[in-house]
Amino acid sequence: MKTIAVVFFAVCGFAFAGAPEGKAVYQAKCQMCHGENGEGKPAIAKMLKVEMKPLGSKDVQALPDAKLKSIVNGGQGKMKPIPNVTGNDLDNVIAYVRTLK
Protein backbone atom coordinates (compact mmCIF):
# COMPACT_ATOMS: atom_id res chain seq x y z
CA MET A 1 0.00 0.00 0.00
CA LYS A 2 2.85 2.41 0.82
CA THR A 3 4.37 1.81 -2.60
CA ILE A 4 1.10 2.74 -4.31
CA ALA A 5 0.82 5.93 -2.25
CA VAL A 6 4.41 6.94 -3.01
CA VAL A 7 3.93 6.32 -6.74
CA PHE A 8 0.64 8.25 -6.70
CA PHE A 9 2.16 11.30 -5.02
CA ALA A 10 5.23 11.16 -7.25
CA VAL A 11 3.05 11.12 -10.38
CA CYS A 12 0.81 13.92 -9.09
CA GLY A 13 3.81 16.01 -8.12
CA PHE A 14 5.25 15.51 -11.58
CA ALA A 15 1.96 16.42 -13.26
CA PHE A 16 1.80 19.75 -11.44
CA ALA A 17 5.51 20.52 -11.62
CA GLY A 18 4.99 23.08 -14.40
CA ALA A 19 2.03 24.77 -12.75
CA PRO A 20 3.91 27.90 -11.51
CA GLU A 21 5.38 28.52 -14.97
CA GLY A 22 2.02 27.71 -16.52
CA LYS A 23 0.31 30.35 -14.40
CA ALA A 24 2.42 33.06 -16.05
CA VAL A 25 1.51 31.76 -19.51
CA TYR A 26 -2.15 31.51 -18.46
CA GLN A 27 -2.13 35.09 -17.20
CA ALA A 28 -0.58 36.36 -20.42
CA LYS A 29 -2.58 34.30 -22.94
CA CYS A 30 -5.78 32.96 -21.36
CA GLN A 31 -6.87 35.11 -18.42
CA MET A 32 -8.33 37.87 -20.58
CA CYS A 33 -11.19 35.56 -21.62
CA HIS A 34 -11.16 32.76 -19.04
CA GLY A 35 -10.78 34.94 -15.95
CA GLU A 36 -8.25 34.99 -13.16
CA ASN A 37 -9.27 31.61 -11.76
CA GLY A 38 -10.61 29.98 -14.93
CA GLU A 39 -14.20 30.85 -14.09
CA GLY A 40 -14.82 32.49 -17.49
CA LYS A 41 -15.92 36.04 -18.13
CA PRO A 42 -19.71 36.35 -18.50
CA ALA A 43 -19.48 39.49 -20.66
CA ILE A 44 -17.31 37.71 -23.22
CA ALA A 45 -19.53 34.62 -23.18
CA LYS A 46 -22.59 36.83 -23.73
CA MET A 47 -20.92 38.80 -26.53
CA LEU A 48 -19.91 35.57 -28.32
CA LYS A 49 -23.23 33.89 -27.47
CA VAL A 50 -21.51 30.84 -26.00
CA GLU A 51 -21.47 28.92 -22.75
CA MET A 52 -18.01 29.26 -21.22
CA LYS A 53 -17.48 26.35 -18.86
CA PRO A 54 -15.21 27.02 -15.89
CA LEU A 55 -11.80 25.44 -16.47
CA GLY A 56 -12.08 23.80 -13.06
CA SER A 57 -15.38 22.10 -13.93
CA LYS A 58 -15.68 18.33 -14.10
CA ASP A 59 -16.34 18.53 -17.85
CA VAL A 60 -13.14 20.42 -18.61
CA GLN A 61 -11.02 18.55 -16.09
CA ALA A 62 -12.18 15.21 -17.58
CA LEU A 63 -10.64 16.10 -20.95
CA PRO A 64 -7.30 14.43 -21.61
CA ASP A 65 -4.23 16.67 -21.85
CA ALA A 66 -3.99 15.98 -25.58
CA LYS A 67 -7.51 17.38 -26.12
CA LEU A 68 -6.78 20.50 -24.06
CA LYS A 69 -3.58 21.04 -26.06
CA SER A 70 -5.56 20.61 -29.27
CA ILE A 71 -8.05 23.26 -28.15
CA VAL A 72 -5.27 25.72 -27.27
CA ASN A 73 -3.45 25.14 -30.56
CA GLY A 74 -6.42 24.71 -32.88
CA GLY A 75 -9.26 26.54 -31.18
CA GLN A 76 -12.74 25.20 -30.60
CA GLY A 77 -16.07 26.69 -31.52
CA LYS A 78 -15.65 30.46 -31.38
CA MET A 79 -12.37 30.21 -29.46
CA LYS A 80 -9.50 30.99 -31.81
CA PRO A 81 -6.15 29.17 -31.62
CA ILE A 82 -3.74 30.76 -29.16
CA PRO A 83 -0.52 31.63 -30.97
CA ASN A 84 2.94 31.01 -29.56
CA VAL A 85 1.86 28.56 -26.84
CA THR A 86 3.84 25.45 -27.68
CA GLY A 87 6.32 23.01 -26.18
CA ASN A 88 7.05 23.55 -22.49
CA ASP A 89 4.74 26.57 -22.31
CA LEU A 90 1.83 24.43 -23.52
CA ASP A 91 2.65 21.62 -21.10
CA ASN A 92 2.96 24.10 -18.24
CA VAL A 93 -0.30 25.90 -18.96
CA ILE A 94 -2.13 22.55 -19.06
CA ALA A 95 -0.52 21.65 -15.71
CA TYR A 96 -1.75 24.98 -14.33
CA VAL A 97 -5.29 24.40 -15.64
CA ARG A 98 -5.27 21.07 -13.78
CA THR A 99 -4.71 22.97 -10.51
CA LEU A 100 -7.96 24.92 -11.01
CA LYS A 101 -10.21 21.97 -10.13
PDB file of N, CA and C in Angstrom:
ATOM      1  N   MET A   1       0.828  -1.197   0.000  1.00  0.00           N
ATOM      2  CA  MET A   1       0.000   0.000   0.000  1.00  0.00           C
ATOM      3  C   MET A   1       0.869   1.256   0.000  1.00  0.00           C
ATOM      4  N   LYS A   2       1.969   1.243   0.790  1.00  0.00           N
ATOM      5  CA  LYS A   2       2.852   2.409   0.825  1.00  0.00           C
ATOM      6  C   LYS A   2       3.441   2.688  -0.547  1.00  0.00           C
ATOM      7  N   THR A   3       3.788   1.639  -1.273  1.00  0.00           N
ATOM      8  CA  THR A   3       4.369   1.815  -2.604  1.00  0.00           C
ATOM      9  C   THR A   3       3.384   2.517  -3.526  1.00  0.00           C
ATOM     10  N   ILE A   4       2.131   2.111  -3.477  1.00  0.00           N
ATOM     11  CA  ILE A   4       1.100   2.739  -4.312  1.00  0.00           C
ATOM     12  C   ILE A   4       0.970   4.213  -3.951  1.00  0.00           C
ATOM     13  N   ALA A   5       0.943   4.541  -2.677  1.00  0.00           N
ATOM     14  CA  ALA A   5       0.819   5.934  -2.247  1.00  0.00           C
ATOM     15  C   ALA A   5       2.016   6.756  -2.697  1.00  0.00           C
ATOM     16  N   VAL A   6       3.209   6.214  -2.593  1.00  0.00           N
ATOM     17  CA  VAL A   6       4.411   6.935  -3.006  1.00  0.00           C
ATOM     18  C   VAL A   6       4.380   7.190  -4.508  1.00  0.00           C
ATOM     19  N   VAL A   7       4.014   6.169  -5.282  1.00  0.00           N
ATOM     20  CA  VAL A   7       3.931   6.323  -6.738  1.00  0.00           C
ATOM     21  C   VAL A   7       2.866   7.358  -7.089  1.00  0.00           C
ATOM     22  N   PHE A   8       1.715   7.296  -6.436  1.00  0.00           N
ATOM     23  CA  PHE A   8       0.636   8.245  -6.696  1.00  0.00           C
ATOM     24  C   PHE A   8       1.102   9.683  -6.463  1.00  0.00           C
ATOM     25  N   PHE A   9       1.719   9.946  -5.326  1.00  0.00           N
ATOM     26  CA  PHE A   9       2.165  11.300  -5.017  1.00  0.00           C
ATOM     27  C   PHE A   9       3.297  11.739  -5.930  1.00  0.00           C
ATOM     28  N   ALA A  10       4.144  10.826  -6.323  1.00  0.00           N
ATOM     29  CA  ALA A  10       5.231  11.161  -7.252  1.00  0.00           C
ATOM     30  C   ALA A  10       4.656  11.553  -8.602  1.00  0.00           C
ATOM     31  N   VAL A  11       3.670  10.805  -9.086  1.00  0.00           N
ATOM     32  CA  VAL A  11       3.049  11.124 -10.375  1.00  0.00           C
ATOM     33  C   VAL A  11       2.305  12.442 -10.290  1.00  0.00           C
ATOM     34  N   CYS A  12       1.549  12.662  -9.241  1.00  0.00           N
ATOM     35  CA  CYS A  12       0.814  13.922  -9.086  1.00  0.00           C
ATOM     36  C   CYS A  12       1.779  15.099  -8.978  1.00  0.00           C
ATOM     37  N   GLY A  13       2.816  14.934  -8.237  1.00  0.00           N
ATOM     38  CA  GLY A  13       3.806  16.007  -8.122  1.00  0.00           C
ATOM     39  C   GLY A  13       4.424  16.325  -9.457  1.00  0.00           C
ATOM     40  N   PHE A  14       4.690  15.304 -10.255  1.00  0.00           N
ATOM     41  CA  PHE A  14       5.251  15.514 -11.584  1.00  0.00           C
ATOM     42  C   PHE A  14       4.245  16.222 -12.477  1.00  0.00           C
ATOM     43  N   ALA A  15       2.987  15.830 -12.397  1.00  0.00           N
ATOM     44  CA  ALA A  15       1.958  16.417 -13.256  1.00  0.00           C
ATOM     45  C   ALA A  15       1.791  17.908 -12.999  1.00  0.00           C
ATOM     46  N   PHE A  16       1.998  18.343 -11.773  1.00  0.00           N
ATOM     47  CA  PHE A  16       1.798  19.749 -11.442  1.00  0.00           C
ATOM     48  C   PHE A  16       3.112  20.518 -11.351  1.00  0.00           C
ATOM     49  N   ALA A  17       4.200  19.881 -11.728  1.00  0.00           N
ATOM     50  CA  ALA A  17       5.509  20.523 -11.617  1.00  0.00           C
ATOM     51  C   ALA A  17       5.588  21.813 -12.416  1.00  0.00           C
ATOM     52  N   GLY A  18       4.929  21.888 -13.560  1.00  0.00           N
ATOM     53  CA  GLY A  18       4.990  23.083 -14.396  1.00  0.00           C
ATOM     54  C   GLY A  18       3.934  24.110 -14.071  1.00  0.00           C
ATOM     55  N   ALA A  19       3.130  23.867 -13.050  1.00  0.00           N
ATOM     56  CA  ALA A  19       2.029  24.769 -12.747  1.00  0.00           C
ATOM     57  C   ALA A  19       2.461  26.217 -12.486  1.00  0.00           C
ATOM     58  N   PRO A  20       3.532  26.490 -11.725  1.00  0.00           N
ATOM     59  CA  PRO A  20       3.914  27.895 -11.513  1.00  0.00           C
ATOM     60  C   PRO A  20       4.282  28.607 -12.814  1.00  0.00           C
ATOM     61  N   GLU A  21       5.037  27.924 -13.687  1.00  0.00           N
ATOM     62  CA  GLU A  21       5.380  28.520 -14.971  1.00  0.00           C
ATOM     63  C   GLU A  21       4.136  28.664 -15.845  1.00  0.00           C
ATOM     64  N   GLY A  22       3.256  27.688 -15.751  1.00  0.00           N
ATOM     65  CA  GLY A  22       2.019  27.710 -16.522  1.00  0.00           C
ATOM     66  C   GLY A  22       1.103  28.845 -16.119  1.00  0.00           C
ATOM     67  N   LYS A  23       1.150  29.243 -14.858  1.00  0.00           N
ATOM     68  CA  LYS A  23       0.310  30.353 -14.404  1.00  0.00           C
ATOM     69  C   LYS A  23       0.687  31.636 -15.133  1.00  0.00           C
ATOM     70  N   ALA A  24       1.972  31.856 -15.333  1.00  0.00           N
ATOM     71  CA  ALA A  24       2.421  33.062 -16.046  1.00  0.00           C
ATOM     72  C   ALA A  24       1.934  33.043 -17.493  1.00  0.00           C
ATOM     73  N   VAL A  25       2.010  31.887 -18.133  1.00  0.00           N
ATOM     74  CA  VAL A  25       1.514  31.764 -19.507  1.00  0.00           C
ATOM     75  C   VAL A  25       0.005  31.980 -19.519  1.00  0.00           C
ATOM     76  N   TYR A  26      -0.690  31.354 -18.569  1.00  0.00           N
ATOM     77  CA  TYR A  26      -2.148  31.512 -18.461  1.00  0.00           C
ATOM     78  C   TYR A  26      -2.513  32.980 -18.309  1.00  0.00           C
ATOM     79  N   GLN A  27      -1.827  33.680 -17.428  1.00  0.00           N
ATOM     80  CA  GLN A  27      -2.131  35.092 -17.197  1.00  0.00           C
ATOM     81  C   GLN A  27      -1.918  35.916 -18.464  1.00  0.00           C
ATOM     82  N   ALA A  28      -0.894  35.590 -19.222  1.00  0.00           N
ATOM     83  CA  ALA A  28      -0.580  36.358 -20.425  1.00  0.00           C
ATOM     84  C   ALA A  28      -1.489  36.016 -21.604  1.00  0.00           C
ATOM     85  N   LYS A  29      -1.892  34.759 -21.729  1.00  0.00           N
ATOM     86  CA  LYS A  29      -2.575  34.305 -22.944  1.00  0.00           C
ATOM     87  C   LYS A  29      -4.036  33.897 -22.771  1.00  0.00           C
ATOM     88  N   CYS A  30      -4.454  33.562 -21.554  1.00  0.00           N
ATOM     89  CA  CYS A  30      -5.776  32.963 -21.356  1.00  0.00           C
ATOM     90  C   CYS A  30      -6.705  33.774 -20.450  1.00  0.00           C
ATOM     91  N   GLN A  31      -6.102  34.439 -19.476  1.00  0.00           N
ATOM     92  CA  GLN A  31      -6.874  35.108 -18.423  1.00  0.00           C
ATOM     93  C   GLN A  31      -7.839  36.150 -18.974  1.00  0.00           C
ATOM     94  N   MET A  32      -7.470  36.810 -20.064  1.00  0.00           N
ATOM     95  CA  MET A  32      -8.329  37.873 -20.585  1.00  0.00           C
ATOM     96  C   MET A  32      -9.736  37.382 -20.918  1.00  0.00           C
ATOM     97  N   CYS A  33      -9.871  36.118 -21.317  1.00  0.00           N
ATOM     98  CA  CYS A  33     -11.189  35.557 -21.616  1.00  0.00           C
ATOM     99  C   CYS A  33     -11.685  34.594 -20.535  1.00  0.00           C
ATOM    100  N   HIS A  34     -10.763  33.809 -19.987  1.00  0.00           N
ATOM    101  CA  HIS A  34     -11.162  32.762 -19.044  1.00  0.00           C
ATOM    102  C   HIS A  34     -11.157  33.201 -17.591  1.00  0.00           C
ATOM    103  N   GLY A  35     -10.738  34.423 -17.314  1.00  0.00           N
ATOM    104  CA  GLY A  35     -10.777  34.941 -15.953  1.00  0.00           C
ATOM    105  C   GLY A  35      -9.577  34.517 -15.128  1.00  0.00           C
ATOM    106  N   GLU A  36      -9.401  35.201 -14.030  1.00  0.00           N
ATOM    107  CA  GLU A  36      -8.251  34.987 -13.157  1.00  0.00           C
ATOM    108  C   GLU A  36      -8.138  33.555 -12.653  1.00  0.00           C
ATOM    109  N   ASN A  37      -9.277  32.964 -12.331  1.00  0.00           N
ATOM    110  CA  ASN A  37      -9.274  31.610 -11.764  1.00  0.00           C
ATOM    111  C   ASN A  37      -9.933  30.586 -12.682  1.00  0.00           C
ATOM    112  N   GLY A  38     -10.026  30.915 -13.971  1.00  0.00           N
ATOM    113  CA  GLY A  38     -10.608  29.984 -14.930  1.00  0.00           C
ATOM    114  C   GLY A  38     -12.115  29.913 -14.909  1.00  0.00           C
ATOM    115  N   GLU A  39     -12.748  30.870 -14.239  1.00  0.00           N
ATOM    116  CA  GLU A  39     -14.203  30.851 -14.093  1.00  0.00           C
ATOM    117  C   GLU A  39     -14.930  31.327 -15.346  1.00  0.00           C
ATOM    118  N   GLY A  40     -14.201  31.932 -16.285  1.00  0.00           N
ATOM    119  CA  GLY A  40     -14.823  32.485 -17.489  1.00  0.00           C
ATOM    120  C   GLY A  40     -15.328  33.890 -17.220  1.00  0.00           C
ATOM    121  N   LYS A  41     -15.426  34.668 -18.259  1.00  0.00           N
ATOM    122  CA  LYS A  41     -15.925  36.042 -18.131  1.00  0.00           C
ATOM    123  C   LYS A  41     -17.300  36.117 -18.780  1.00  0.00           C
ATOM    124  N   PRO A  42     -18.340  36.336 -17.983  1.00  0.00           N
ATOM    125  CA  PRO A  42     -19.706  36.349 -18.499  1.00  0.00           C
ATOM    126  C   PRO A  42     -19.920  37.338 -19.643  1.00  0.00           C
ATOM    127  N   ALA A  43     -19.288  38.503 -19.594  1.00  0.00           N
ATOM    128  CA  ALA A  43     -19.482  39.494 -20.662  1.00  0.00           C
ATOM    129  C   ALA A  43     -18.972  38.965 -22.002  1.00  0.00           C
ATOM    130  N   ILE A  44     -17.863  38.267 -21.979  1.00  0.00           N
ATOM    131  CA  ILE A  44     -17.312  37.708 -23.219  1.00  0.00           C
ATOM    132  C   ILE A  44     -18.200  36.569 -23.712  1.00  0.00           C
ATOM    133  N   ALA A  45     -18.647  35.717 -22.807  1.00  0.00           N
ATOM    134  CA  ALA A  45     -19.534  34.618 -23.184  1.00  0.00           C
ATOM    135  C   ALA A  45     -20.822  35.167 -23.798  1.00  0.00           C
ATOM    136  N   LYS A  46     -21.357  36.217 -23.209  1.00  0.00           N
ATOM    137  CA  LYS A  46     -22.589  36.831 -23.727  1.00  0.00           C
ATOM    138  C   LYS A  46     -22.348  37.441 -25.099  1.00  0.00           C
ATOM    139  N   MET A  47     -21.239  38.156 -25.257  1.00  0.00           N
ATOM    140  CA  MET A  47     -20.919  38.796 -26.530  1.00  0.00           C
ATOM    141  C   MET A  47     -20.771  37.748 -27.640  1.00  0.00           C
ATOM    142  N   LEU A  48     -20.127  36.621 -27.325  1.00  0.00           N
ATOM    143  CA  LEU A  48     -19.911  35.571 -28.316  1.00  0.00           C
ATOM    144  C   LEU A  48     -21.095  34.604 -28.429  1.00  0.00           C
ATOM    145  N   LYS A  49     -22.058  34.763 -27.519  1.00  0.00           N
ATOM    146  CA  LYS A  49     -23.227  33.885 -27.471  1.00  0.00           C
ATOM    147  C   LYS A  49     -22.819  32.419 -27.312  1.00  0.00           C
ATOM    148  N   VAL A  50     -21.988  32.198 -26.301  1.00  0.00           N
ATOM    149  CA  VAL A  50     -21.512  30.843 -25.998  1.00  0.00           C
ATOM    150  C   VAL A  50     -21.617  30.584 -24.506  1.00  0.00           C
ATOM    151  N   GLU A  51     -21.605  29.311 -24.156  1.00  0.00           N
ATOM    152  CA  GLU A  51     -21.469  28.924 -22.752  1.00  0.00           C
ATOM    153  C   GLU A  51     -19.981  28.707 -22.509  1.00  0.00           C
ATOM    154  N   MET A  52     -19.424  29.406 -21.547  1.00  0.00           N
ATOM    155  CA  MET A  52     -18.012  29.261 -21.225  1.00  0.00           C
ATOM    156  C   MET A  52     -17.926  28.473 -19.923  1.00  0.00           C
ATOM    157  N   LYS A  53     -17.570  27.199 -20.047  1.00  0.00           N
ATOM    158  CA  LYS A  53     -17.482  26.351 -18.858  1.00  0.00           C
ATOM    159  C   LYS A  53     -16.260  26.742 -18.041  1.00  0.00           C
ATOM    160  N   PRO A  54     -16.386  26.769 -16.729  1.00  0.00           N
ATOM    161  CA  PRO A  54     -15.210  27.024 -15.890  1.00  0.00           C
ATOM    162  C   PRO A  54     -14.142  25.961 -16.155  1.00  0.00           C
ATOM    163  N   LEU A  55     -12.891  26.376 -16.204  1.00  0.00           N
ATOM    164  CA  LEU A  55     -11.804  25.443 -16.473  1.00  0.00           C
ATOM    165  C   LEU A  55     -11.628  24.431 -15.359  1.00  0.00           C
ATOM    166  N   GLY A  56     -12.142  24.726 -14.181  1.00  0.00           N
ATOM    167  CA  GLY A  56     -12.079  23.798 -13.064  1.00  0.00           C
ATOM    168  C   GLY A  56     -13.250  22.832 -13.010  1.00  0.00           C
ATOM    169  N   SER A  57     -14.192  22.961 -13.945  1.00  0.00           N
ATOM    170  CA  SER A  57     -15.380  22.102 -13.934  1.00  0.00           C
ATOM    171  C   SER A  57     -15.016  20.651 -14.246  1.00  0.00           C
ATOM    172  N   LYS A  58     -15.900  19.747 -13.836  1.00  0.00           N
ATOM    173  CA  LYS A  58     -15.677  18.327 -14.095  1.00  0.00           C
ATOM    174  C   LYS A  58     -15.568  18.055 -15.595  1.00  0.00           C
ATOM    175  N   ASP A  59     -16.367  18.744 -16.398  1.00  0.00           N
ATOM    176  CA  ASP A  59     -16.341  18.534 -17.848  1.00  0.00           C
ATOM    177  C   ASP A  59     -14.980  18.868 -18.445  1.00  0.00           C
ATOM    178  N   VAL A  60     -14.437  20.005 -18.071  1.00  0.00           N
ATOM    179  CA  VAL A  60     -13.145  20.422 -18.611  1.00  0.00           C
ATOM    180  C   VAL A  60     -12.030  19.565 -18.030  1.00  0.00           C
ATOM    181  N   GLN A  61     -12.057  19.335 -16.741  1.00  0.00           N
ATOM    182  CA  GLN A  61     -11.015  18.545 -16.091  1.00  0.00           C
ATOM    183  C   GLN A  61     -10.984  17.100 -16.576  1.00  0.00           C
ATOM    184  N   ALA A  62     -12.114  16.587 -17.079  1.00  0.00           N
ATOM    185  CA  ALA A  62     -12.176  15.213 -17.579  1.00  0.00           C
ATOM    186  C   ALA A  62     -11.510  15.068 -18.949  1.00  0.00           C
ATOM    187  N   LEU A  63     -11.280  16.171 -19.632  1.00  0.00           N
ATOM    188  CA  LEU A  63     -10.636  16.099 -20.947  1.00  0.00           C
ATOM    189  C   LEU A  63      -9.180  15.685 -20.794  1.00  0.00           C
ATOM    190  N   PRO A  64      -8.711  14.809 -21.678  1.00  0.00           N
ATOM    191  CA  PRO A  64      -7.296  14.433 -21.613  1.00  0.00           C
ATOM    192  C   PRO A  64      -6.406  15.619 -22.000  1.00  0.00           C
ATOM    193  N   ASP A  65      -5.178  15.587 -21.538  1.00  0.00           N
ATOM    194  CA  ASP A  65      -4.233  16.671 -21.848  1.00  0.00           C
ATOM    195  C   ASP A  65      -4.133  16.906 -23.346  1.00  0.00           C
ATOM    196  N   ALA A  66      -4.121  15.838 -24.128  1.00  0.00           N
ATOM    197  CA  ALA A  66      -3.992  15.980 -25.580  1.00  0.00           C
ATOM    198  C   ALA A  66      -5.148  16.805 -26.159  1.00  0.00           C
ATOM    199  N   LYS A  67      -6.354  16.616 -25.635  1.00  0.00           N
ATOM    200  CA  LYS A  67      -7.508  17.379 -26.124  1.00  0.00           C
ATOM    201  C   LYS A  67      -7.381  18.845 -25.723  1.00  0.00           C
ATOM    202  N   LEU A  68      -6.964  19.116 -24.488  1.00  0.00           N
ATOM    203  CA  LEU A  68      -6.779  20.500 -24.059  1.00  0.00           C
ATOM    204  C   LEU A  68      -5.716  21.192 -24.912  1.00  0.00           C
ATOM    205  N   LYS A  69      -4.633  20.477 -25.211  1.00  0.00           N
ATOM    206  CA  LYS A  69      -3.581  21.040 -26.062  1.00  0.00           C
ATOM    207  C   LYS A  69      -4.123  21.327 -27.456  1.00  0.00           C
ATOM    208  N   SER A  70      -4.952  20.436 -27.965  1.00  0.00           N
ATOM    209  CA  SER A  70      -5.562  20.609 -29.273  1.00  0.00           C
ATOM    210  C   SER A  70      -6.459  21.853 -29.302  1.00  0.00           C
ATOM    211  N   ILE A  71      -7.186  22.087 -28.236  1.00  0.00           N
ATOM    212  CA  ILE A  71      -8.055  23.261 -28.150  1.00  0.00           C
ATOM    213  C   ILE A  71      -7.217  24.534 -28.123  1.00  0.00           C
ATOM    214  N   VAL A  72      -6.142  24.540 -27.331  1.00  0.00           N
ATOM    215  CA  VAL A  72      -5.274  25.722 -27.266  1.00  0.00           C
ATOM    216  C   VAL A  72      -4.658  25.991 -28.633  1.00  0.00           C
ATOM    217  N   ASN A  73      -4.150  24.967 -29.286  1.00  0.00           N
ATOM    218  CA  ASN A  73      -3.453  25.141 -30.561  1.00  0.00           C
ATOM    219  C   ASN A  73      -4.369  25.309 -31.762  1.00  0.00           C
ATOM    220  N   GLY A  74      -5.543  24.687 -31.715  1.00  0.00           N
ATOM    221  CA  GLY A  74      -6.424  24.711 -32.878  1.00  0.00           C
ATOM    222  C   GLY A  74      -7.714  25.476 -32.700  1.00  0.00           C
ATOM    223  N   GLY A  75      -7.993  25.883 -31.459  1.00  0.00           N
ATOM    224  CA  GLY A  75      -9.258  26.544 -31.184  1.00  0.00           C
ATOM    225  C   GLY A  75     -10.384  25.529 -31.077  1.00  0.00           C
ATOM    226  N   GLN A  76     -11.542  26.034 -30.678  1.00  0.00           N
ATOM    227  CA  GLN A  76     -12.744  25.196 -30.605  1.00  0.00           C
ATOM    228  C   GLN A  76     -13.942  26.106 -30.593  1.00  0.00           C
ATOM    229  N   GLY A  77     -14.913  25.822 -31.436  1.00  0.00           N
ATOM    230  CA  GLY A  77     -16.074  26.692 -31.525  1.00  0.00           C
ATOM    231  C   GLY A  77     -15.628  28.096 -31.894  1.00  0.00           C
ATOM    232  N   LYS A  78     -16.022  29.071 -31.096  1.00  0.00           N
ATOM    233  CA  LYS A  78     -15.648  30.462 -31.376  1.00  0.00           C
ATOM    234  C   LYS A  78     -14.302  30.855 -30.777  1.00  0.00           C
ATOM    235  N   MET A  79     -13.700  29.937 -30.011  1.00  0.00           N
ATOM    236  CA  MET A  79     -12.370  30.211 -29.464  1.00  0.00           C
ATOM    237  C   MET A  79     -11.341  30.018 -30.570  1.00  0.00           C
ATOM    238  N   LYS A  80     -10.562  31.043 -30.805  1.00  0.00           N
ATOM    239  CA  LYS A  80      -9.502  30.988 -31.810  1.00  0.00           C
ATOM    240  C   LYS A  80      -8.272  30.288 -31.239  1.00  0.00           C
ATOM    241  N   PRO A  81      -7.414  29.741 -32.112  1.00  0.00           N
ATOM    242  CA  PRO A  81      -6.153  29.172 -31.624  1.00  0.00           C
ATOM    243  C   PRO A  81      -5.329  30.244 -30.921  1.00  0.00           C
ATOM    244  N   ILE A  82      -4.593  29.832 -29.908  1.00  0.00           N
ATOM    245  CA  ILE A  82      -3.744  30.761 -29.165  1.00  0.00           C
ATOM    246  C   ILE A  82      -2.330  30.642 -29.721  1.00  0.00           C
ATOM    247  N   PRO A  83      -1.847  31.710 -30.350  1.00  0.00           N
ATOM    248  CA  PRO A  83      -0.516  31.628 -30.971  1.00  0.00           C
ATOM    249  C   PRO A  83       0.605  31.615 -29.939  1.00  0.00           C
ATOM    250  N   ASN A  84       1.696  31.004 -30.346  1.00  0.00           N
ATOM    251  CA  ASN A  84       2.937  31.006 -29.558  1.00  0.00           C
ATOM    252  C   ASN A  84       2.828  30.316 -28.205  1.00  0.00           C
ATOM    253  N   VAL A  85       1.904  29.382 -28.044  1.00  0.00           N
ATOM    254  CA  VAL A  85       1.860  28.563 -26.836  1.00  0.00           C
ATOM    255  C   VAL A  85       2.135  27.129 -27.288  1.00  0.00           C
ATOM    256  N   THR A  86       3.399  26.753 -27.207  1.00  0.00           N
ATOM    257  CA  THR A  86       3.837  25.450 -27.681  1.00  0.00           C
ATOM    258  C   THR A  86       4.864  24.870 -26.710  1.00  0.00           C
ATOM    259  N   GLY A  87       5.250  23.644 -26.953  1.00  0.00           N
ATOM    260  CA  GLY A  87       6.319  23.010 -26.183  1.00  0.00           C
ATOM    261  C   GLY A  87       6.086  23.060 -24.684  1.00  0.00           C
ATOM    262  N   ASN A  88       7.127  23.487 -23.960  1.00  0.00           N
ATOM    263  CA  ASN A  88       7.047  23.550 -22.495  1.00  0.00           C
ATOM    264  C   ASN A  88       5.973  24.507 -22.017  1.00  0.00           C
ATOM    265  N   ASP A  89       5.783  25.629 -22.721  1.00  0.00           N
ATOM    266  CA  ASP A  89       4.738  26.570 -22.314  1.00  0.00           C
ATOM    267  C   ASP A  89       3.366  25.901 -22.363  1.00  0.00           C
ATOM    268  N   LEU A  90       3.111  25.122 -23.395  1.00  0.00           N
ATOM    269  CA  LEU A  90       1.834  24.430 -23.525  1.00  0.00           C
ATOM    270  C   LEU A  90       1.672  23.389 -22.416  1.00  0.00           C
ATOM    271  N   ASP A  91       2.707  22.605 -22.178  1.00  0.00           N
ATOM    272  CA  ASP A  91       2.651  21.616 -21.096  1.00  0.00           C
ATOM    273  C   ASP A  91       2.403  22.294 -19.750  1.00  0.00           C
ATOM    274  N   ASN A  92       3.083  23.404 -19.524  1.00  0.00           N
ATOM    275  CA  ASN A  92       2.962  24.103 -18.244  1.00  0.00           C
ATOM    276  C   ASN A  92       1.590  24.734 -18.062  1.00  0.00           C
ATOM    277  N   VAL A  93       1.019  25.293 -19.116  1.00  0.00           N
ATOM    278  CA  VAL A  93      -0.304  25.900 -18.962  1.00  0.00           C
ATOM    279  C   VAL A  93      -1.362  24.814 -18.710  1.00  0.00           C
ATOM    280  N   ILE A  94      -1.209  23.655 -19.325  1.00  0.00           N
ATOM    281  CA  ILE A  94      -2.134  22.549 -19.056  1.00  0.00           C
ATOM    282  C   ILE A  94      -1.973  22.098 -17.601  1.00  0.00           C
ATOM    283  N   ALA A  95      -0.742  22.017 -17.114  1.00  0.00           N
ATOM    284  CA  ALA A  95      -0.516  21.654 -15.708  1.00  0.00           C
ATOM    285  C   ALA A  95      -1.183  22.673 -14.788  1.00  0.00           C
ATOM    286  N   TYR A  96      -1.109  23.950 -15.148  1.00  0.00           N
ATOM    287  CA  TYR A  96      -1.754  24.980 -14.330  1.00  0.00           C
ATOM    288  C   TYR A  96      -3.276  24.825 -14.361  1.00  0.00           C
ATOM    289  N   VAL A  97      -3.831  24.586 -15.534  1.00  0.00           N
ATOM    290  CA  VAL A  97      -5.289  24.397 -15.641  1.00  0.00           C
ATOM    291  C   VAL A  97      -5.739  23.239 -14.747  1.00  0.00           C
ATOM    292  N   ARG A  98      -4.930  22.218 -14.645  1.00  0.00           N
ATOM    293  CA  ARG A  98      -5.268  21.070 -13.779  1.00  0.00           C
ATOM    294  C   ARG A  98      -5.333  21.472 -12.299  1.00  0.00           C
ATOM    295  N   THR A  99      -4.663  22.530 -11.914  1.00  0.00           N
ATOM    296  CA  THR A  99      -4.713  22.971 -10.507  1.00  0.00           C
ATOM    297  C   THR A  99      -5.998  23.739 -10.203  1.00  0.00           C
ATOM    298  N   LEU A 100      -6.768  24.094 -11.213  1.00  0.00           N
ATOM    299  CA  LEU A 100      -7.961  24.921 -11.009  1.00  0.00           C
ATOM    300  C   LEU A 100      -9.176  24.117 -10.562  1.00  0.00           C
ATOM    301  N   LYS A 101      -9.048  22.792 -10.506  1.00  0.00           N
ATOM    302  CA  LYS A 101     -10.205  21.967 -10.127  1.00  0.00           C
ATOM    303  C   LYS A 101     -10.571  22.117  -8.672  1.00  0.00           C
TER     304      LYS A 101
END
